[in-house]
mmCIF file of all heavy atoms, coordinates in Angstrom:
data_MODEL
# 
_entry.id   MODEL 
# 
loop_
_atom_site.group_PDB 
_atom_site.id 
_atom_site.type_symbol 
_atom_site.label_atom_id 
_atom_site.label_alt_id 
_atom_site.label_comp_id 
_atom_site.label_asym_id 
_atom_site.label_entity_id 
_atom_site.label_seq_id 
_atom_site.pdbx_PDB_ins_code 
_atom_site.Cartn_x 
_atom_site.Cartn_y 
_atom_site.Cartn_z 
_atom_site.occupancy 
_atom_site.B_iso_or_equiv 
_atom_site.pdbx_formal_charge 
_atom_site.auth_seq_id 
_atom_site.auth_comp_id 
_atom_site.auth_asym_id 
_atom_site.auth_atom_id 
_atom_site.pdbx_PDB_model_num 
ATOM 1   N N   . ARG A 1 1  ? 0.883   -1.232 0.120   1.00 0.00 ? 1  ARG A N   1 
ATOM 2   C CA  . ARG A 1 1  ? -0.049  -0.020 -0.022  1.00 0.00 ? 1  ARG A CA  1 
ATOM 3   C C   . ARG A 1 1  ? 0.783   1.245  0.045   1.00 0.00 ? 1  ARG A C   1 
ATOM 4   O O   . ARG A 1 1  ? 0.530   2.234  -0.638  1.00 0.00 ? 1  ARG A O   1 
ATOM 5   C CB  . ARG A 1 1  ? -0.936  0.008  1.182   1.00 0.00 ? 1  ARG A CB  1 
ATOM 6   C CG  . ARG A 1 1  ? -2.197  -0.968 1.045   1.00 0.00 ? 1  ARG A CG  1 
ATOM 7   C CD  . ARG A 1 1  ? -3.298  -0.737 1.989   1.00 0.00 ? 1  ARG A CD  1 
ATOM 8   N NE  . ARG A 1 1  ? -2.901  -1.126 3.308   1.00 0.00 ? 1  ARG A NE  1 
ATOM 9   C CZ  . ARG A 1 1  ? -3.070  -2.487 3.698   1.00 0.00 ? 1  ARG A CZ  1 
ATOM 10  N NH1 . ARG A 1 1  ? -3.610  -3.436 2.976   1.00 0.00 ? 1  ARG A NH1 1 
ATOM 11  N NH2 . ARG A 1 1  ? -2.848  -2.747 5.027   1.00 0.00 ? 1  ARG A NH2 1 
ATOM 12  N N   . LYS A 1 2  ? 1.985   1.260  0.679   1.00 0.00 ? 2  LYS A N   1 
ATOM 13  C CA  . LYS A 1 2  ? 2.922   2.372  0.671   1.00 0.00 ? 2  LYS A CA  1 
ATOM 14  C C   . LYS A 1 2  ? 3.369   2.643  -0.804  1.00 0.00 ? 2  LYS A C   1 
ATOM 15  O O   . LYS A 1 2  ? 3.550   3.718  -1.284  1.00 0.00 ? 2  LYS A O   1 
ATOM 16  C CB  . LYS A 1 2  ? 4.013   2.247  1.569   1.00 0.00 ? 2  LYS A CB  1 
ATOM 17  C CG  . LYS A 1 2  ? 3.684   2.255  3.083   1.00 0.00 ? 2  LYS A CG  1 
ATOM 18  C CD  . LYS A 1 2  ? 4.871   2.070  3.858   1.00 0.00 ? 2  LYS A CD  1 
ATOM 19  C CE  . LYS A 1 2  ? 4.628   2.047  5.417   1.00 0.00 ? 2  LYS A CE  1 
ATOM 20  N NZ  . LYS A 1 2  ? 5.849   1.746  6.208   1.00 0.00 ? 2  LYS A NZ  1 
ATOM 21  N N   . GLY A 1 3  ? 3.810   1.495  -1.440  1.00 0.00 ? 3  GLY A N   1 
ATOM 22  C CA  . GLY A 1 3  ? 4.219   1.679  -2.829  1.00 0.00 ? 3  GLY A CA  1 
ATOM 23  C C   . GLY A 1 3  ? 3.111   2.233  -3.773  1.00 0.00 ? 3  GLY A C   1 
ATOM 24  O O   . GLY A 1 3  ? 3.333   3.033  -4.600  1.00 0.00 ? 3  GLY A O   1 
ATOM 25  N N   . HIS A 1 4  ? 1.863   1.767  -3.541  1.00 0.00 ? 4  HIS A N   1 
ATOM 26  C CA  . HIS A 1 4  ? 0.742   2.302  -4.277  1.00 0.00 ? 4  HIS A CA  1 
ATOM 27  C C   . HIS A 1 4  ? 0.514   3.732  -4.005  1.00 0.00 ? 4  HIS A C   1 
ATOM 28  O O   . HIS A 1 4  ? 0.371   4.514  -4.948  1.00 0.00 ? 4  HIS A O   1 
ATOM 29  C CB  . HIS A 1 4  ? -0.472  1.453  -3.994  1.00 0.00 ? 4  HIS A CB  1 
ATOM 30  C CG  . HIS A 1 4  ? -1.701  2.008  -4.738  1.00 0.00 ? 4  HIS A CG  1 
ATOM 31  N ND1 . HIS A 1 4  ? -1.960  1.649  -5.928  1.00 0.00 ? 4  HIS A ND1 1 
ATOM 32  C CD2 . HIS A 1 4  ? -2.691  2.873  -4.300  1.00 0.00 ? 4  HIS A CD2 1 
ATOM 33  C CE1 . HIS A 1 4  ? -3.058  2.388  -6.403  1.00 0.00 ? 4  HIS A CE1 1 
ATOM 34  N NE2 . HIS A 1 4  ? -3.511  3.030  -5.343  1.00 0.00 ? 4  HIS A NE2 1 
ATOM 35  N N   . ALA A 1 5  ? 0.713   4.166  -2.816  1.00 0.00 ? 5  ALA A N   1 
ATOM 36  C CA  . ALA A 1 5  ? 0.574   5.566  -2.531  1.00 0.00 ? 5  ALA A CA  1 
ATOM 37  C C   . ALA A 1 5  ? 1.610   6.425  -3.270  1.00 0.00 ? 5  ALA A C   1 
ATOM 38  O O   . ALA A 1 5  ? 1.189   7.486  -3.825  1.00 0.00 ? 5  ALA A O   1 
ATOM 39  C CB  . ALA A 1 5  ? 0.662   5.843  -1.108  1.00 0.00 ? 5  ALA A CB  1 
ATOM 40  N N   . ARG A 1 6  ? 2.843   6.024  -3.317  1.00 0.00 ? 6  ARG A N   1 
ATOM 41  C CA  . ARG A 1 6  ? 3.893   6.643  -4.071  1.00 0.00 ? 6  ARG A CA  1 
ATOM 42  C C   . ARG A 1 6  ? 3.544   6.693  -5.520  1.00 0.00 ? 6  ARG A C   1 
ATOM 43  O O   . ARG A 1 6  ? 3.646   7.787  -6.159  1.00 0.00 ? 6  ARG A O   1 
ATOM 44  C CB  . ARG A 1 6  ? 5.177   6.221  -3.800  1.00 0.00 ? 6  ARG A CB  1 
ATOM 45  C CG  . ARG A 1 6  ? 5.736   6.338  -2.365  1.00 0.00 ? 6  ARG A CG  1 
ATOM 46  C CD  . ARG A 1 6  ? 7.124   5.879  -2.214  1.00 0.00 ? 6  ARG A CD  1 
ATOM 47  N NE  . ARG A 1 6  ? 7.292   4.435  -2.388  1.00 0.00 ? 6  ARG A NE  1 
ATOM 48  C CZ  . ARG A 1 6  ? 7.198   3.536  -1.404  1.00 0.00 ? 6  ARG A CZ  1 
ATOM 49  N NH1 . ARG A 1 6  ? 6.912   3.978  -0.134  1.00 0.00 ? 6  ARG A NH1 1 
ATOM 50  N NH2 . ARG A 1 6  ? 7.372   2.276  -1.681  1.00 0.00 ? 6  ARG A NH2 1 
ATOM 51  N N   . GLU A 1 7  ? 3.081   5.642  -6.088  1.00 0.00 ? 7  GLU A N   1 
ATOM 52  C CA  . GLU A 1 7  ? 2.769   5.537  -7.416  1.00 0.00 ? 7  GLU A CA  1 
ATOM 53  C C   . GLU A 1 7  ? 1.541   6.451  -7.852  1.00 0.00 ? 7  GLU A C   1 
ATOM 54  O O   . GLU A 1 7  ? 1.503   7.053  -8.885  1.00 0.00 ? 7  GLU A O   1 
ATOM 55  C CB  . GLU A 1 7  ? 2.418   4.125  -7.873  1.00 0.00 ? 7  GLU A CB  1 
ATOM 56  C CG  . GLU A 1 7  ? 2.201   3.841  -9.348  1.00 0.00 ? 7  GLU A CG  1 
ATOM 57  C CD  . GLU A 1 7  ? 3.310   4.321  -10.154 1.00 0.00 ? 7  GLU A CD  1 
ATOM 58  O OE1 . GLU A 1 7  ? 4.519   4.190  -9.891  1.00 0.00 ? 7  GLU A OE1 1 
ATOM 59  O OE2 . GLU A 1 7  ? 3.040   4.887  -11.262 1.00 0.00 ? 7  GLU A OE2 1 
ATOM 60  N N   . ARG A 1 8  ? 0.598   6.393  -6.991  1.00 0.00 ? 8  ARG A N   1 
ATOM 61  C CA  . ARG A 1 8  ? -0.612  7.259  -7.118  1.00 0.00 ? 8  ARG A CA  1 
ATOM 62  C C   . ARG A 1 8  ? -0.179  8.728  -7.126  1.00 0.00 ? 8  ARG A C   1 
ATOM 63  O O   . ARG A 1 8  ? -0.658  9.539  -8.004  1.00 0.00 ? 8  ARG A O   1 
ATOM 64  C CB  . ARG A 1 8  ? -1.553  6.977  -5.953  1.00 0.00 ? 8  ARG A CB  1 
ATOM 65  C CG  . ARG A 1 8  ? -2.923  7.663  -6.153  1.00 0.00 ? 8  ARG A CG  1 
ATOM 66  C CD  . ARG A 1 8  ? -3.868  7.133  -5.105  1.00 0.00 ? 8  ARG A CD  1 
ATOM 67  N NE  . ARG A 1 8  ? -3.621  7.864  -3.784  1.00 0.00 ? 8  ARG A NE  1 
ATOM 68  C CZ  . ARG A 1 8  ? -4.619  8.159  -2.947  1.00 0.00 ? 8  ARG A CZ  1 
ATOM 69  N NH1 . ARG A 1 8  ? -5.882  7.893  -3.213  1.00 0.00 ? 8  ARG A NH1 1 
ATOM 70  N NH2 . ARG A 1 8  ? -4.349  8.760  -1.856  1.00 0.00 ? 8  ARG A NH2 1 
ATOM 71  N N   . LEU A 1 9  ? 0.713   9.101  -6.361  1.00 0.00 ? 9  LEU A N   1 
ATOM 72  C CA  . LEU A 1 9  ? 1.186   10.566 -6.281  1.00 0.00 ? 9  LEU A CA  1 
ATOM 73  C C   . LEU A 1 9  ? 1.880   10.886 -7.589  1.00 0.00 ? 9  LEU A C   1 
ATOM 74  O O   . LEU A 1 9  ? 1.678   11.974 -8.191  1.00 0.00 ? 9  LEU A O   1 
ATOM 75  C CB  . LEU A 1 9  ? 2.117   10.786 -5.019  1.00 0.00 ? 9  LEU A CB  1 
ATOM 76  C CG  . LEU A 1 9  ? 2.556   12.219 -4.856  1.00 0.00 ? 9  LEU A CG  1 
ATOM 77  C CD1 . LEU A 1 9  ? 1.340   13.235 -4.817  1.00 0.00 ? 9  LEU A CD1 1 
ATOM 78  C CD2 . LEU A 1 9  ? 3.393   12.308 -3.702  1.00 0.00 ? 9  LEU A CD2 1 
ATOM 79  N N   . ARG A 1 10 ? 2.841   9.986  -8.062  1.00 0.00 ? 10 ARG A N   1 
ATOM 80  C CA  . ARG A 1 10 ? 3.469   10.206 -9.283  1.00 0.00 ? 10 ARG A CA  1 
ATOM 81  C C   . ARG A 1 10 ? 2.489   10.253 -10.516 1.00 0.00 ? 10 ARG A C   1 
ATOM 82  O O   . ARG A 1 10 ? 2.695   11.187 -11.328 1.00 0.00 ? 10 ARG A O   1 
ATOM 83  C CB  . ARG A 1 10 ? 4.412   8.992  -9.543  1.00 0.00 ? 10 ARG A CB  1 
ATOM 84  C CG  . ARG A 1 10 ? 5.739   9.173  -8.900  1.00 0.00 ? 10 ARG A CG  1 
ATOM 85  C CD  . ARG A 1 10 ? 6.784   8.157  -9.411  1.00 0.00 ? 10 ARG A CD  1 
ATOM 86  N NE  . ARG A 1 10 ? 6.444   6.786  -9.161  1.00 0.00 ? 10 ARG A NE  1 
ATOM 87  C CZ  . ARG A 1 10 ? 6.694   6.113  -7.980  1.00 0.00 ? 10 ARG A CZ  1 
ATOM 88  N NH1 . ARG A 1 10 ? 7.456   6.772  -7.046  1.00 0.00 ? 10 ARG A NH1 1 
ATOM 89  N NH2 . ARG A 1 10 ? 6.377   4.842  -7.851  1.00 0.00 ? 10 ARG A NH2 1 
ATOM 90  N N   . ALA A 1 11 ? 1.425   9.453  -10.439 1.00 0.00 ? 11 ALA A N   1 
ATOM 91  C CA  . ALA A 1 11 ? 0.481   9.528  -11.511 1.00 0.00 ? 11 ALA A CA  1 
ATOM 92  C C   . ALA A 1 11 ? -0.208  10.891 -11.521 1.00 0.00 ? 11 ALA A C   1 
ATOM 93  O O   . ALA A 1 11 ? -0.407  11.429 -12.694 1.00 0.00 ? 11 ALA A O   1 
ATOM 94  C CB  . ALA A 1 11 ? -0.452  8.363  -11.425 1.00 0.00 ? 11 ALA A CB  1 
ATOM 95  N N   . VAL A 1 12 ? -0.705  11.232 -10.451 1.00 0.00 ? 12 VAL A N   1 
ATOM 96  C CA  . VAL A 1 12 ? -1.521  12.505 -10.402 1.00 0.00 ? 12 VAL A CA  1 
ATOM 97  C C   . VAL A 1 12 ? -0.622  13.725 -10.790 1.00 0.00 ? 12 VAL A C   1 
ATOM 98  O O   . VAL A 1 12 ? -1.067  14.736 -11.360 1.00 0.00 ? 12 VAL A O   1 
ATOM 99  C CB  . VAL A 1 12 ? -2.360  12.743 -9.126  1.00 0.00 ? 12 VAL A CB  1 
ATOM 100 C CG1 . VAL A 1 12 ? -1.449  13.077 -7.970  1.00 0.00 ? 12 VAL A CG1 1 
ATOM 101 C CG2 . VAL A 1 12 ? -3.446  13.695 -9.358  1.00 0.00 ? 12 VAL A CG2 1 
ATOM 102 N N   . ARG A 1 13 ? 0.595   13.661 -10.379 1.00 0.00 ? 13 ARG A N   1 
ATOM 103 C CA  . ARG A 1 13 ? 1.533   14.806 -10.691 1.00 0.00 ? 13 ARG A CA  1 
ATOM 104 C C   . ARG A 1 13 ? 1.844   14.832 -12.178 1.00 0.00 ? 13 ARG A C   1 
ATOM 105 O O   . ARG A 1 13 ? 2.304   15.787 -12.672 1.00 0.00 ? 13 ARG A O   1 
ATOM 106 C CB  . ARG A 1 13 ? 2.826   14.721 -9.893  1.00 0.00 ? 13 ARG A CB  1 
ATOM 107 C CG  . ARG A 1 13 ? 2.631   15.106 -8.462  1.00 0.00 ? 13 ARG A CG  1 
ATOM 108 C CD  . ARG A 1 13 ? 3.952   15.010 -7.636  1.00 0.00 ? 13 ARG A CD  1 
ATOM 109 N NE  . ARG A 1 13 ? 3.792   15.600 -6.346  1.00 0.00 ? 13 ARG A NE  1 
ATOM 110 C CZ  . ARG A 1 13 ? 4.692   15.414 -5.415  1.00 0.00 ? 13 ARG A CZ  1 
ATOM 111 N NH1 . ARG A 1 13 ? 5.683   14.632 -5.557  1.00 0.00 ? 13 ARG A NH1 1 
ATOM 112 N NH2 . ARG A 1 13 ? 4.442   15.997 -4.241  1.00 0.00 ? 13 ARG A NH2 1 
ATOM 113 N N   . SER A 1 14 ? 1.588   13.793 -12.928 1.00 0.00 ? 14 SER A N   1 
ATOM 114 C CA  . SER A 1 14 ? 1.811   13.683 -14.347 1.00 0.00 ? 14 SER A CA  1 
ATOM 115 C C   . SER A 1 14 ? 0.739   14.432 -15.153 1.00 0.00 ? 14 SER A C   1 
ATOM 116 O O   . SER A 1 14 ? 0.845   14.686 -16.320 1.00 0.00 ? 14 SER A O   1 
ATOM 117 C CB  . SER A 1 14 ? 2.012   12.234 -14.876 1.00 0.00 ? 14 SER A CB  1 
ATOM 118 O OG  . SER A 1 14 ? 0.674   11.705 -15.000 1.00 0.00 ? 14 SER A OG  1 
ATOM 119 N N   . ILE A 1 15 ? -0.319  14.823 -14.476 1.00 0.00 ? 15 ILE A N   1 
ATOM 120 C CA  . ILE A 1 15 ? -1.433  15.517 -15.034 1.00 0.00 ? 15 ILE A CA  1 
ATOM 121 C C   . ILE A 1 15 ? -1.122  17.024 -15.118 1.00 0.00 ? 15 ILE A C   1 
ATOM 122 O O   . ILE A 1 15 ? -0.812  17.630 -13.999 1.00 0.00 ? 15 ILE A O   1 
ATOM 123 C CB  . ILE A 1 15 ? -2.783  15.220 -14.285 1.00 0.00 ? 15 ILE A CB  1 
ATOM 124 C CG1 . ILE A 1 15 ? -2.980  13.673 -14.237 1.00 0.00 ? 15 ILE A CG1 1 
ATOM 125 C CG2 . ILE A 1 15 ? -3.852  16.019 -14.878 1.00 0.00 ? 15 ILE A CG2 1 
ATOM 126 C CD1 . ILE A 1 15 ? -3.237  13.006 -15.641 1.00 0.00 ? 15 ILE A CD1 1 
ATOM 127 N N   . GLY A 1 16 ? -1.367  17.720 -16.141 1.00 0.00 ? 16 GLY A N   1 
ATOM 128 C CA  . GLY A 1 16 ? -1.371  19.123 -16.198 1.00 0.00 ? 16 GLY A CA  1 
ATOM 129 C C   . GLY A 1 16 ? -2.608  19.686 -15.678 1.00 0.00 ? 16 GLY A C   1 
ATOM 130 O O   . GLY A 1 16 ? -3.660  19.739 -16.335 1.00 0.00 ? 16 GLY A O   1 
ATOM 131 N N   . ARG A 1 17 ? -2.587  20.238 -14.403 1.00 0.00 ? 17 ARG A N   1 
ATOM 132 C CA  . ARG A 1 17 ? -3.836  20.839 -13.829 1.00 0.00 ? 17 ARG A CA  1 
ATOM 133 C C   . ARG A 1 17 ? -4.526  21.869 -14.680 1.00 0.00 ? 17 ARG A C   1 
ATOM 134 O O   . ARG A 1 17 ? -5.608  21.866 -14.872 1.00 0.00 ? 17 ARG A O   1 
ATOM 135 C CB  . ARG A 1 17 ? -3.489  21.349 -12.460 1.00 0.00 ? 17 ARG A CB  1 
ATOM 136 C CG  . ARG A 1 17 ? -4.626  21.779 -11.678 1.00 0.00 ? 17 ARG A CG  1 
ATOM 137 C CD  . ARG A 1 17 ? -4.251  22.502 -10.367 1.00 0.00 ? 17 ARG A CD  1 
ATOM 138 N NE  . ARG A 1 17 ? -5.392  22.973 -9.688  1.00 0.00 ? 17 ARG A NE  1 
ATOM 139 C CZ  . ARG A 1 17 ? -6.086  24.143 -9.912  1.00 0.00 ? 17 ARG A CZ  1 
ATOM 140 N NH1 . ARG A 1 17 ? -5.701  24.939 -10.825 1.00 0.00 ? 17 ARG A NH1 1 
ATOM 141 N NH2 . ARG A 1 17 ? -7.106  24.391 -9.164  1.00 0.00 ? 17 ARG A NH2 1 
ATOM 142 N N   . ALA A 1 18 ? -3.668  22.709 -15.342 1.00 0.00 ? 18 ALA A N   1 
ATOM 143 C CA  . ALA A 1 18 ? -4.264  23.783 -16.170 1.00 0.00 ? 18 ALA A CA  1 
ATOM 144 C C   . ALA A 1 18 ? -4.932  23.261 -17.360 1.00 0.00 ? 18 ALA A C   1 
ATOM 145 O O   . ALA A 1 18 ? -5.737  24.050 -17.949 1.00 0.00 ? 18 ALA A O   1 
ATOM 146 C CB  . ALA A 1 18 ? -3.069  24.746 -16.657 1.00 0.00 ? 18 ALA A CB  1 
ATOM 147 N N   . ARG A 1 19 ? -4.748  22.030 -17.722 1.00 0.00 ? 19 ARG A N   1 
ATOM 148 C CA  . ARG A 1 19 ? -5.397  21.503 -18.890 1.00 0.00 ? 19 ARG A CA  1 
ATOM 149 C C   . ARG A 1 19 ? -6.743  20.843 -18.482 1.00 0.00 ? 19 ARG A C   1 
ATOM 150 O O   . ARG A 1 19 ? -7.424  20.320 -19.433 1.00 0.00 ? 19 ARG A O   1 
ATOM 151 C CB  . ARG A 1 19 ? -4.556  20.448 -19.585 1.00 0.00 ? 19 ARG A CB  1 
ATOM 152 C CG  . ARG A 1 19 ? -3.365  20.979 -20.182 1.00 0.00 ? 19 ARG A CG  1 
ATOM 153 C CD  . ARG A 1 19 ? -2.499  19.970 -21.012 1.00 0.00 ? 19 ARG A CD  1 
ATOM 154 N NE  . ARG A 1 19 ? -1.205  20.467 -21.387 1.00 0.00 ? 19 ARG A NE  1 
ATOM 155 C CZ  . ARG A 1 19 ? -0.094  20.254 -20.836 1.00 0.00 ? 19 ARG A CZ  1 
ATOM 156 N NH1 . ARG A 1 19 ? -0.026  19.403 -19.829 1.00 0.00 ? 19 ARG A NH1 1 
ATOM 157 N NH2 . ARG A 1 19 ? 0.987   20.674 -21.315 1.00 0.00 ? 19 ARG A NH2 1 
ATOM 158 N N   . LEU A 1 20 ? -7.207  20.940 -17.302 1.00 0.00 ? 20 LEU A N   1 
ATOM 159 C CA  . LEU A 1 20 ? -8.372  20.251 -16.879 1.00 0.00 ? 20 LEU A CA  1 
ATOM 160 C C   . LEU A 1 20 ? -9.488  21.369 -16.821 1.00 0.00 ? 20 LEU A C   1 
ATOM 161 O O   . LEU A 1 20 ? -9.170  22.538 -16.605 1.00 0.00 ? 20 LEU A O   1 
ATOM 162 C CB  . LEU A 1 20 ? -8.137  19.705 -15.445 1.00 0.00 ? 20 LEU A CB  1 
ATOM 163 C CG  . LEU A 1 20 ? -7.114  18.605 -15.312 1.00 0.00 ? 20 LEU A CG  1 
ATOM 164 C CD1 . LEU A 1 20 ? -6.988  18.189 -13.855 1.00 0.00 ? 20 LEU A CD1 1 
ATOM 165 C CD2 . LEU A 1 20 ? -7.431  17.448 -16.247 1.00 0.00 ? 20 LEU A CD2 1 
ATOM 166 N N   . GLY A 1 21 ? -10.717 20.934 -16.865 1.00 0.00 ? 21 GLY A N   1 
ATOM 167 C CA  . GLY A 1 21 ? -11.830 21.779 -16.600 1.00 0.00 ? 21 GLY A CA  1 
ATOM 168 C C   . GLY A 1 21 ? -11.920 22.253 -15.175 1.00 0.00 ? 21 GLY A C   1 
ATOM 169 O O   . GLY A 1 21 ? -11.309 21.665 -14.317 1.00 0.00 ? 21 GLY A O   1 
ATOM 170 N N   . VAL A 1 22 ? -12.934 23.151 -14.893 1.00 0.00 ? 22 VAL A N   1 
ATOM 171 C CA  . VAL A 1 22 ? -13.022 23.699 -13.590 1.00 0.00 ? 22 VAL A CA  1 
ATOM 172 C C   . VAL A 1 22 ? -13.410 22.537 -12.528 1.00 0.00 ? 22 VAL A C   1 
ATOM 173 O O   . VAL A 1 22 ? -12.735 22.570 -11.514 1.00 0.00 ? 22 VAL A O   1 
ATOM 174 C CB  . VAL A 1 22 ? -14.134 24.750 -13.561 1.00 0.00 ? 22 VAL A CB  1 
ATOM 175 C CG1 . VAL A 1 22 ? -14.453 25.265 -12.119 1.00 0.00 ? 22 VAL A CG1 1 
ATOM 176 C CG2 . VAL A 1 22 ? -13.731 25.982 -14.439 1.00 0.00 ? 22 VAL A CG2 1 
ATOM 177 N N   . ALA A 1 23 ? -14.337 21.716 -12.830 1.00 0.00 ? 23 ALA A N   1 
ATOM 178 C CA  . ALA A 1 23 ? -14.701 20.673 -11.844 1.00 0.00 ? 23 ALA A CA  1 
ATOM 179 C C   . ALA A 1 23 ? -13.559 19.693 -11.673 1.00 0.00 ? 23 ALA A C   1 
ATOM 180 O O   . ALA A 1 23 ? -13.322 19.201 -10.533 1.00 0.00 ? 23 ALA A O   1 
ATOM 181 C CB  . ALA A 1 23 ? -15.964 19.900 -12.333 1.00 0.00 ? 23 ALA A CB  1 
ATOM 182 N N   . ASP A 1 24 ? -12.919 19.352 -12.769 1.00 0.00 ? 24 ASP A N   1 
ATOM 183 C CA  . ASP A 1 24 ? -11.775 18.379 -12.624 1.00 0.00 ? 24 ASP A CA  1 
ATOM 184 C C   . ASP A 1 24 ? -10.557 19.087 -11.871 1.00 0.00 ? 24 ASP A C   1 
ATOM 185 O O   . ASP A 1 24 ? -9.873  18.382 -11.226 1.00 0.00 ? 24 ASP A O   1 
ATOM 186 C CB  . ASP A 1 24 ? -11.237 17.991 -14.011 1.00 0.00 ? 24 ASP A CB  1 
ATOM 187 C CG  . ASP A 1 24 ? -12.119 16.838 -14.575 1.00 0.00 ? 24 ASP A CG  1 
ATOM 188 O OD1 . ASP A 1 24 ? -12.823 16.199 -13.878 1.00 0.00 ? 24 ASP A OD1 1 
ATOM 189 O OD2 . ASP A 1 24 ? -12.062 16.614 -15.796 1.00 0.00 ? 24 ASP A OD2 1 
ATOM 190 N N   . ARG A 1 25 ? -10.353 20.414 -11.904 1.00 0.00 ? 25 ARG A N   1 
ATOM 191 C CA  . ARG A 1 25 ? -9.372  21.047 -11.114 1.00 0.00 ? 25 ARG A CA  1 
ATOM 192 C C   . ARG A 1 25 ? -9.661  20.857 -9.663  1.00 0.00 ? 25 ARG A C   1 
ATOM 193 O O   . ARG A 1 25 ? -8.630  20.585 -8.939  1.00 0.00 ? 25 ARG A O   1 
ATOM 194 C CB  . ARG A 1 25 ? -9.311  22.512 -11.554 1.00 0.00 ? 25 ARG A CB  1 
ATOM 195 C CG  . ARG A 1 25 ? -8.674  22.643 -12.852 1.00 0.00 ? 25 ARG A CG  1 
ATOM 196 C CD  . ARG A 1 25 ? -8.501  24.251 -13.173 1.00 0.00 ? 25 ARG A CD  1 
ATOM 197 N NE  . ARG A 1 25 ? -8.177  24.364 -14.571 1.00 0.00 ? 25 ARG A NE  1 
ATOM 198 C CZ  . ARG A 1 25 ? -8.414  25.475 -15.272 1.00 0.00 ? 25 ARG A CZ  1 
ATOM 199 N NH1 . ARG A 1 25 ? -8.812  26.582 -14.496 1.00 0.00 ? 25 ARG A NH1 1 
ATOM 200 N NH2 . ARG A 1 25 ? -8.020  25.586 -16.549 1.00 0.00 ? 25 ARG A NH2 1 
ATOM 201 N N   . LEU A 1 26 ? -10.894 21.002 -9.237  1.00 0.00 ? 26 LEU A N   1 
ATOM 202 C CA  . LEU A 1 26 ? -11.145 20.877 -7.881  1.00 0.00 ? 26 LEU A CA  1 
ATOM 203 C C   . LEU A 1 26 ? -10.934 19.315 -7.487  1.00 0.00 ? 26 LEU A C   1 
ATOM 204 O O   . LEU A 1 26 ? -10.249 19.073 -6.414  1.00 0.00 ? 26 LEU A O   1 
ATOM 205 C CB  . LEU A 1 26 ? -12.552 21.204 -7.499  1.00 0.00 ? 26 LEU A CB  1 
ATOM 206 C CG  . LEU A 1 26 ? -13.164 20.939 -6.109  1.00 0.00 ? 26 LEU A CG  1 
ATOM 207 C CD1 . LEU A 1 26 ? -12.261 21.693 -5.134  1.00 0.00 ? 26 LEU A CD1 1 
ATOM 208 C CD2 . LEU A 1 26 ? -14.602 21.225 -5.999  1.00 0.00 ? 26 LEU A CD2 1 
ATOM 209 N N   . ASN A 1 27 ? -11.386 18.382 -8.298  1.00 0.00 ? 27 ASN A N   1 
ATOM 210 C CA  . ASN A 1 27 ? -11.084 16.960 -7.963  1.00 0.00 ? 27 ASN A CA  1 
ATOM 211 C C   . ASN A 1 27 ? -9.634  16.703 -7.961  1.00 0.00 ? 27 ASN A C   1 
ATOM 212 O O   . ASN A 1 27 ? -9.107  15.996 -7.151  1.00 0.00 ? 27 ASN A O   1 
ATOM 213 C CB  . ASN A 1 27 ? -11.844 16.158 -8.982  1.00 0.00 ? 27 ASN A CB  1 
ATOM 214 C CG  . ASN A 1 27 ? -13.339 16.131 -8.904  1.00 0.00 ? 27 ASN A CG  1 
ATOM 215 O OD1 . ASN A 1 27 ? -13.814 16.330 -7.663  1.00 0.00 ? 27 ASN A OD1 1 
ATOM 216 N ND2 . ASN A 1 27 ? -14.030 16.060 -9.955  1.00 0.00 ? 27 ASN A ND2 1 
ATOM 217 N N   . TYR A 1 28 ? -8.845  17.325 -8.923  1.00 0.00 ? 28 TYR A N   1 
ATOM 218 C CA  . TYR A 1 28 ? -7.370  17.212 -8.905  1.00 0.00 ? 28 TYR A CA  1 
ATOM 219 C C   . TYR A 1 28 ? -6.827  17.645 -7.576  1.00 0.00 ? 28 TYR A C   1 
ATOM 220 O O   . TYR A 1 28 ? -6.001  16.973 -7.013  1.00 0.00 ? 28 TYR A O   1 
ATOM 221 C CB  . TYR A 1 28 ? -6.853  17.959 -10.062 1.00 0.00 ? 28 TYR A CB  1 
ATOM 222 C CG  . TYR A 1 28 ? -5.355  17.922 -10.176 1.00 0.00 ? 28 TYR A CG  1 
ATOM 223 C CD1 . TYR A 1 28 ? -4.600  16.946 -10.913 1.00 0.00 ? 28 TYR A CD1 1 
ATOM 224 C CD2 . TYR A 1 28 ? -4.577  18.879 -9.483  1.00 0.00 ? 28 TYR A CD2 1 
ATOM 225 C CE1 . TYR A 1 28 ? -3.246  16.943 -10.974 1.00 0.00 ? 28 TYR A CE1 1 
ATOM 226 C CE2 . TYR A 1 28 ? -3.188  18.905 -9.507  1.00 0.00 ? 28 TYR A CE2 1 
ATOM 227 C CZ  . TYR A 1 28 ? -2.528  17.865 -10.306 1.00 0.00 ? 28 TYR A CZ  1 
ATOM 228 O OH  . TYR A 1 28 ? -1.181  17.899 -10.240 1.00 0.00 ? 28 TYR A OH  1 
# 
């Protein structure tokens, strides 16, 4: 689970927040 947490963080950081819509930015 610790490994998954690190991988999950890397994955979400690979997303360009500015490229998301308003609702997705909040979810991001």
